[in-house]
């Protein structure tokens, strides 16, 4: 599970950095970290802190939900289910998003219990 998280976050960083035509060195300067740190993040060798992810989002000009959305290219006119859900959630106010997130968490917990 941890390796999957490392890989997903690393891919997201690389995807967003490249979409802005930034080098790893330019991104490291924007974050005030060593360029090797960016390389380690993108390769999935280390995990950035939540504070660093928030700084990355600021540099990329995106929200946290956009950062964690699937980065694999989708066929035109056929967005992924997660991208559709993220778009719908972004239209809600904070209280409604929290309610939906809590509901989904409870559903997943119940679903896991049913499978046991």
C-alpha atoms as a PDB file:
ATOM      1  CA  UNK A   1       0.000   0.000   0.000  1.00  0.00           C
ATOM      2  CA  UNK A   2       2.772   2.451   0.909  1.00  0.00           C
ATOM      3  CA  UNK A   3       4.640   1.750  -2.325  1.00  0.00           C
ATOM      4  CA  UNK A   4       1.451   2.397  -4.304  1.00  0.00           C
ATOM      5  CA  UNK A   5       1.027   5.724  -2.482  1.00  0.00           C
ATOM      6  CA  UNK A   6       4.655   6.657  -3.151  1.00  0.00           C
ATOM      7  CA  UNK A   7       4.254   5.833  -6.828  1.00  0.00           C
ATOM      8  CA  UNK A   8       0.948   7.702  -7.181  1.00  0.00           C
ATOM      9  CA  UNK A   9       2.232  10.854  -5.517  1.00  0.00           C
ATOM     10  CA  UNK A  10       5.493  10.708  -7.460  1.00  0.00           C
ATOM     11  CA  UNK A  11       3.628  10.363 -10.746  1.00  0.00           C
ATOM     12  CA  UNK A  12       1.362  13.260  -9.836  1.00  0.00           C
ATOM     13  CA  UNK A  13       4.325  15.521  -9.039  1.00  0.00           C
ATOM     14  CA  UNK A  14       6.064  14.616 -12.301  1.00  0.00           C
ATOM     15  CA  UNK A  15       2.854  15.044 -14.305  1.00  0.00           C
ATOM     16  CA  UNK A  16       2.049  18.492 -12.938  1.00  0.00           C
ATOM     17  CA  UNK A  17       5.686  19.663 -13.100  1.00  0.00           C
ATOM     18  CA  UNK A  18       5.993  18.611 -16.733  1.00  0.00           C
ATOM     19  CA  UNK A  19       2.638  20.163 -17.628  1.00  0.00           C
ATOM     20  CA  UNK A  20       4.147  23.497 -16.548  1.00  0.00           C
ATOM     21  CA  UNK A  21       7.383  22.766 -18.462  1.00  0.00           C
ATOM     22  CA  UNK A  22       9.351  22.980 -15.220  1.00  0.00           C
ATOM     23  CA  UNK A  23      12.582  21.176 -14.555  1.00  0.00           C
ATOM     24  CA  UNK A  24      13.177  19.355 -11.299  1.00  0.00           C
ATOM     25  CA  UNK A  25      15.697  22.056 -10.421  1.00  0.00           C
ATOM     26  CA  UNK A  26      13.166  24.845 -11.005  1.00  0.00           C
ATOM     27  CA  UNK A  27      10.634  23.061  -8.821  1.00  0.00           C
ATOM     28  CA  UNK A  28      13.238  22.504  -6.112  1.00  0.00           C
ATOM     29  CA  UNK A  29      14.001  26.232  -6.100  1.00  0.00           C
ATOM     30  CA  UNK A  30      10.299  27.073  -5.806  1.00  0.00           C
ATOM     31  CA  UNK A  31      10.002  24.716  -2.815  1.00  0.00           C
ATOM     32  CA  UNK A  32      13.405  25.617  -1.341  1.00  0.00           C
ATOM     33  CA  UNK A  33      14.561  21.987  -1.292  1.00  0.00           C
ATOM     34  CA  UNK A  34      17.467  20.101  -2.787  1.00  0.00           C
ATOM     35  CA  UNK A  35      16.905  19.037  -6.433  1.00  0.00           C
ATOM     36  CA  UNK A  36      17.529  15.407  -5.403  1.00  0.00           C
ATOM     37  CA  UNK A  37      14.478  15.671  -3.135  1.00  0.00           C
ATOM     38  CA  UNK A  38      12.257  16.242  -6.174  1.00  0.00           C
ATOM     39  CA  UNK A  39      13.879  13.285  -7.921  1.00  0.00           C
ATOM     40  CA  UNK A  40      13.252  11.056  -4.879  1.00  0.00           C
ATOM     41  CA  UNK A  41       9.591  12.153  -4.755  1.00  0.00           C
ATOM     42  CA  UNK A  42       9.029  11.487  -8.452  1.00  0.00           C
ATOM     43  CA  UNK A  43      10.746   8.078  -8.345  1.00  0.00           C
ATOM     44  CA  UNK A  44       8.695   7.065  -5.337  1.00  0.00           C
ATOM     45  CA  UNK A  45      11.763   6.762  -3.140  1.00  0.00           C
ATOM     46  CA  UNK A  46      10.408   9.152  -0.506  1.00  0.00           C
ATOM     47  CA  UNK A  47       7.099  10.681   0.452  1.00  0.00           C
ATOM     48  CA  UNK A  48       6.621  14.449   0.745  1.00  0.00           C
ATOM     49  CA  UNK A  49       4.973  15.787   3.884  1.00  0.00           C
ATOM     50  CA  UNK A  50       1.457  17.178   3.702  1.00  0.00           C
ATOM     51  CA  UNK A  51       2.943  20.674   4.054  1.00  0.00           C
ATOM     52  CA  UNK A  52       5.170  20.011   1.046  1.00  0.00           C
ATOM     53  CA  UNK A  53       2.213  18.672  -0.952  1.00  0.00           C
ATOM     54  CA  UNK A  54       0.304  21.864  -0.128  1.00  0.00           C
ATOM     55  CA  UNK A  55       3.292  23.912  -1.334  1.00  0.00           C
ATOM     56  CA  UNK A  56       3.404  21.804  -4.507  1.00  0.00           C
ATOM     57  CA  UNK A  57      -0.273  22.533  -5.118  1.00  0.00           C
ATOM     58  CA  UNK A  58       0.403  26.222  -4.686  1.00  0.00           C
ATOM     59  CA  UNK A  59       3.303  26.120  -7.149  1.00  0.00           C
ATOM     60  CA  UNK A  60       1.231  24.090  -9.629  1.00  0.00           C
ATOM     61  CA  UNK A  61      -1.824  26.316  -9.138  1.00  0.00           C
ATOM     62  CA  UNK A  62      -4.091  23.384  -8.313  1.00  0.00           C
ATOM     63  CA  UNK A  63      -6.199  22.104  -5.419  1.00  0.00           C
ATOM     64  CA  UNK A  64      -5.351  19.074  -3.298  1.00  0.00           C
ATOM     65  CA  UNK A  65      -8.132  17.124  -5.004  1.00  0.00           C
ATOM     66  CA  UNK A  66      -6.673  17.941  -8.411  1.00  0.00           C
ATOM     67  CA  UNK A  67      -3.264  16.830  -7.177  1.00  0.00           C
ATOM     68  CA  UNK A  68      -4.604  13.449  -6.152  1.00  0.00           C
ATOM     69  CA  UNK A  69      -6.848  12.986  -9.205  1.00  0.00           C
ATOM     70  CA  UNK A  70      -5.773  10.372 -11.719  1.00  0.00           C
ATOM     71  CA  UNK A  71      -2.994  11.687 -13.921  1.00  0.00           C
ATOM     72  CA  UNK A  72      -3.129   9.051 -16.628  1.00  0.00           C
ATOM     73  CA  UNK A  73      -4.454  10.484 -19.885  1.00  0.00           C
ATOM     74  CA  UNK A  74      -8.090   9.610 -20.527  1.00  0.00           C
ATOM     75  CA  UNK A  75      -9.668   9.123 -23.931  1.00  0.00           C
ATOM     76  CA  UNK A  76     -11.353  12.315 -25.169  1.00  0.00           C
ATOM     77  CA  UNK A  77     -14.939  12.545 -24.021  1.00  0.00           C
ATOM     78  CA  UNK A  78     -14.503   9.686 -21.527  1.00  0.00           C
ATOM     79  CA  UNK A  79     -13.314  11.086 -18.175  1.00  0.00           C
ATOM     80  CA  UNK A  80     -12.456   8.635 -15.419  1.00  0.00           C
ATOM     81  CA  UNK A  81     -14.988   8.008 -12.667  1.00  0.00           C
ATOM     82  CA  UNK A  82     -12.695   9.594 -10.110  1.00  0.00           C
ATOM     83  CA  UNK A  83     -12.266  12.730 -12.254  1.00  0.00           C
ATOM     84  CA  UNK A  84     -16.044  13.053 -12.540  1.00  0.00           C
ATOM     85  CA  UNK A  85     -16.436  12.637  -8.768  1.00  0.00           C
ATOM     86  CA  UNK A  86     -13.710  15.185  -8.057  1.00  0.00           C
ATOM     87  CA  UNK A  87     -15.381  17.693 -10.386  1.00  0.00           C
ATOM     88  CA  UNK A  88     -18.719  17.174  -8.649  1.00  0.00           C
ATOM     89  CA  UNK A  89     -17.188  17.514  -5.174  1.00  0.00           C
ATOM     90  CA  UNK A  90     -15.383  20.727  -6.101  1.00  0.00           C
ATOM     91  CA  UNK A  91     -18.744  22.343  -6.819  1.00  0.00           C
ATOM     92  CA  UNK A  92     -19.927  21.744  -3.230  1.00  0.00           C
ATOM     93  CA  UNK A  93     -19.231  23.953  -0.243  1.00  0.00           C
ATOM     94  CA  UNK A  94     -16.896  22.735   2.515  1.00  0.00           C
ATOM     95  CA  UNK A  95     -19.664  21.399   4.801  1.00  0.00           C
ATOM     96  CA  UNK A  96     -21.258  19.376   1.999  1.00  0.00           C
ATOM     97  CA  UNK A  97     -17.867  17.962   0.933  1.00  0.00           C
ATOM     98  CA  UNK A  98     -17.191  16.866   4.511  1.00  0.00           C
ATOM     99  CA  UNK A  99     -20.611  15.243   4.725  1.00  0.00           C
ATOM    100  CA  UNK A 100     -20.050  13.341   1.452  1.00  0.00           C
ATOM    101  CA  UNK A 101     -16.540  12.283   2.496  1.00  0.00           C
ATOM    102  CA  UNK A 102     -17.881  10.993   5.834  1.00  0.00           C
ATOM    103  CA  UNK A 103     -20.660   9.105   4.070  1.00  0.00           C
ATOM    104  CA  UNK A 104     -18.213   7.477   1.661  1.00  0.00           C
ATOM    105  CA  UNK A 105     -15.908   6.490   4.542  1.00  0.00           C
ATOM    106  CA  UNK A 106     -18.804   4.867   6.421  1.00  0.00           C
ATOM    107  CA  UNK A 107     -19.902   3.058   3.261  1.00  0.00           C
ATOM    108  CA  UNK A 108     -16.384   1.701   2.700  1.00  0.00           C
ATOM    109  CA  UNK A 109     -16.143   0.539   6.311  1.00  0.00           C
ATOM    110  CA  UNK A 110     -19.481  -1.260   6.054  1.00  0.00           C
ATOM    111  CA  UNK A 111     -18.506  -2.756   2.722  1.00  0.00           C
ATOM    112  CA  UNK A 112     -15.261  -4.134   4.189  1.00  0.00           C
ATOM    113  CA  UNK A 113     -17.157  -5.681   7.105  1.00  0.00           C
ATOM    114  CA  UNK A 114     -19.587  -7.386   4.705  1.00  0.00           C
ATOM    115  CA  UNK A 115     -16.716  -9.004   2.807  1.00  0.00           C
ATOM    116  CA  UNK A 116     -15.253 -10.572   5.966  1.00  0.00           C
END
